Amino acid sequence: MIKKTIYSFLLVCVMISCCNEHNEDSGIIKSDYTIGGTDNSNGLNYNVDIRCLLTPDTACIRNDSVYKALFKIDSTSECKNAILPTIDFNKYSLLVNRKSVSGNVYFHRNVFIDSINKTITYQISLEYCHCADMCHSEESNIVLVPAISKDYKIIYK
């Protein structure tokens, strides 16, 4: 009886600790990508839900013209004030690795360079946190990284 209670307690602790985790970034990732907007009534800037942005499933954006061609703002009313942030593509590139999964998950994103083989790998692992009911998570996983040369191949995992 005591063993069963201890095992049950440990299982609950593991489940609670999983649910308290969050998305994590490693490797050469500088930051998450967020879009913004301006409230015209008071001129304040604010972050807009990333779902306002229509993006490809995977992409490496290295210049402004590709950026504006690929990233489209949804025309719904809650997104009408959303604006694309300015990015200095001389210093940075954007990587997109969209994931859609069933279940409540945390995305652990890692971008690393293999300079010998001239590859950049954008790898995402998932940490599942059990839901009381079936839920669905989707994440664009758009990250800002140091500028990527055109002679590098991008690998998405």
Protein backbone atom coordinates (compact mmCIF):
# COMPACT_ATOMS: atom_id res chain seq x y z
CA MET A 1 0.00 0.00 0.00
CA ILE A 2 2.81 2.43 0.90
CA LYS A 3 4.70 1.60 -2.33
CA LYS A 4 1.58 2.26 -4.41
CA THR A 5 1.08 5.63 -2.66
CA ILE A 6 4.71 6.62 -3.27
CA TYR A 7 4.49 5.66 -6.97
CA SER A 8 1.25 7.61 -7.35
CA PHE A 9 2.81 10.63 -5.69
CA LEU A 10 5.86 10.47 -7.98
CA LEU A 11 3.65 10.20 -11.06
CA VAL A 12 1.67 13.28 -10.03
CA CYS A 13 4.92 15.21 -9.40
CA VAL A 14 6.21 14.33 -12.88
CA MET A 15 2.93 15.41 -14.49
CA ILE A 16 2.88 18.70 -12.56
CA SER A 17 6.48 19.50 -13.45
CA CYS A 18 5.77 18.82 -17.14
CA CYS A 19 2.84 21.22 -17.11
CA ASN A 20 5.00 23.96 -15.58
CA GLU A 21 7.60 23.81 -18.37
CA HIS A 22 7.65 26.11 -21.38
CA ASN A 23 9.07 26.42 -24.87
CA GLU A 24 12.87 26.47 -24.84
CA ASP A 25 15.41 27.73 -27.38
CA SER A 26 19.04 26.72 -27.82
CA GLY A 27 21.86 26.92 -30.34
CA ILE A 28 22.18 30.09 -32.41
CA ILE A 29 18.60 31.31 -31.86
CA LYS A 30 18.62 35.00 -30.92
CA SER A 31 14.92 35.38 -30.14
CA ASP A 32 11.36 34.41 -30.97
CA TYR A 33 9.75 36.34 -33.78
CA THR A 34 6.71 38.39 -32.79
CA ILE A 35 4.58 40.69 -34.89
CA GLY A 36 3.34 43.99 -33.58
CA GLY A 37 0.83 46.68 -34.20
CA THR A 38 -0.24 50.14 -33.17
CA ASP A 39 -3.46 51.06 -31.43
CA ASN A 40 -4.54 54.08 -33.46
CA SER A 41 -6.63 55.49 -30.61
CA ASN A 42 -3.64 55.98 -28.27
CA GLY A 43 -0.58 55.29 -30.44
CA LEU A 44 0.69 52.43 -28.24
CA ASN A 45 2.58 49.50 -29.71
CA TYR A 46 1.52 45.99 -28.75
CA ASN A 47 2.20 42.37 -29.68
CA VAL A 48 -0.33 40.67 -31.91
CA ASP A 49 -1.20 36.99 -31.85
CA ILE A 50 1.11 35.10 -34.24
CA ARG A 51 -2.02 33.48 -35.72
CA CYS A 52 -2.55 36.80 -37.55
CA LEU A 53 0.42 35.88 -39.71
CA LEU A 54 0.00 33.52 -42.66
CA THR A 55 3.36 31.78 -43.12
CA PRO A 56 4.75 28.76 -44.98
CA ASP A 57 5.40 25.47 -43.15
CA THR A 58 9.18 25.82 -43.49
CA ALA A 59 11.26 28.71 -44.74
CA CYS A 60 14.58 30.47 -44.46
CA ILE A 61 14.13 34.19 -45.06
CA ARG A 62 17.34 36.03 -45.87
CA ASN A 63 16.08 39.29 -47.41
CA ASP A 64 13.30 41.84 -47.15
CA SER A 65 11.60 41.10 -50.48
CA VAL A 66 11.15 37.37 -49.67
CA TYR A 67 10.06 38.34 -46.15
CA LYS A 68 7.26 40.59 -47.40
CA ALA A 69 6.24 38.09 -50.10
CA LEU A 70 5.99 35.09 -47.75
CA PHE A 71 4.59 36.69 -44.59
CA LYS A 72 1.03 37.88 -45.06
CA ILE A 73 -1.12 39.50 -42.36
CA ASP A 74 -4.57 37.90 -42.01
CA SER A 75 -7.33 40.37 -42.85
CA THR A 76 -9.63 39.54 -39.91
CA SER A 77 -10.68 42.38 -37.63
CA GLU A 78 -8.49 41.31 -34.69
CA CYS A 79 -5.45 41.40 -36.99
CA LYS A 80 -6.19 44.64 -38.87
CA ASN A 81 -3.57 46.67 -36.94
CA ALA A 82 -0.84 44.04 -37.14
CA ILE A 83 2.39 45.10 -38.81
CA LEU A 84 5.51 43.18 -39.77
CA PRO A 85 8.50 44.20 -37.68
CA THR A 86 11.53 45.59 -39.45
CA ILE A 87 14.42 43.12 -39.59
CA ASP A 88 18.00 43.95 -40.52
CA PHE A 89 18.72 41.10 -42.93
CA ASN A 90 22.38 42.10 -43.07
CA LYS A 91 22.59 40.84 -39.47
CA TYR A 92 19.75 38.31 -39.19
CA SER A 93 17.71 35.64 -40.96
CA LEU A 94 14.35 34.12 -40.03
CA LEU A 95 13.69 30.40 -39.85
CA VAL A 96 10.17 28.90 -39.87
CA ASN A 97 9.45 25.32 -38.84
CA ARG A 98 5.68 24.99 -38.29
CA LYS A 99 4.51 22.07 -36.17
CA SER A 100 0.95 20.95 -35.58
CA VAL A 101 0.36 18.16 -33.08
CA SER A 102 -2.43 16.64 -31.04
CA GLY A 103 -1.92 17.18 -27.35
CA ASN A 104 -0.59 19.90 -25.12
CA VAL A 105 3.11 20.24 -25.94
CA TYR A 106 6.11 22.44 -25.35
CA PHE A 107 8.47 23.02 -28.25
CA HIS A 108 12.20 22.73 -27.62
CA ARG A 109 13.86 24.46 -30.57
CA ASN A 110 17.51 24.14 -31.48
CA VAL A 111 19.31 25.67 -34.46
CA PHE A 112 22.88 24.57 -35.00
CA ILE A 113 25.54 25.04 -37.68
CA ASP A 114 27.73 22.46 -39.38
CA SER A 115 30.30 24.70 -41.07
CA ILE A 116 32.19 21.75 -42.60
CA ASN A 117 29.13 20.49 -44.52
CA LYS A 118 27.64 24.00 -44.85
CA THR A 119 24.32 23.07 -43.26
CA ILE A 120 22.07 24.68 -40.70
CA THR A 121 19.74 22.29 -38.86
CA TYR A 122 16.55 23.53 -37.24
CA GLN A 123 15.45 20.71 -34.95
CA ILE A 124 12.37 20.68 -32.77
CA SER A 125 11.64 18.17 -30.06
CA LEU A 126 8.33 18.00 -28.23
CA GLU A 127 7.59 17.62 -24.55
CA TYR A 128 4.05 16.33 -24.03
CA CYS A 129 1.96 17.42 -21.09
CA HIS A 130 -1.20 15.37 -20.75
CA CYS A 131 -4.55 17.09 -21.09
CA ALA A 132 -7.78 16.20 -19.41
CA ASP A 133 -9.30 16.15 -22.90
CA MET A 134 -7.73 15.91 -26.33
CA CYS A 135 -6.28 19.25 -27.30
CA HIS A 136 -4.40 20.52 -30.34
CA SER A 137 -1.26 22.65 -30.39
CA GLU A 138 0.15 24.51 -33.35
CA GLU A 139 3.26 26.63 -33.36
CA SER A 140 4.87 28.53 -36.21
CA ASN A 141 8.27 28.25 -34.50
CA ILE A 142 9.60 31.38 -36.18
CA VAL A 143 13.00 32.34 -34.81
CA LEU A 144 15.55 35.06 -35.46
CA VAL A 145 19.09 33.76 -36.06
CA PRO A 146 22.35 35.35 -37.23
CA ALA A 147 22.40 35.99 -41.01
CA ILE A 148 22.65 32.76 -42.99
CA SER A 149 24.77 32.72 -46.13
CA LYS A 150 23.07 31.53 -49.34
CA ASP A 151 25.60 28.70 -49.70
CA TYR A 152 24.22 26.97 -46.58
CA LYS A 153 21.54 24.28 -46.88
CA ILE A 154 18.77 24.34 -44.28
CA ILE A 155 17.60 21.02 -42.77
CA TYR A 156 14.31 20.91 -40.85
CA LYS A 157 13.69 18.15 -38.30
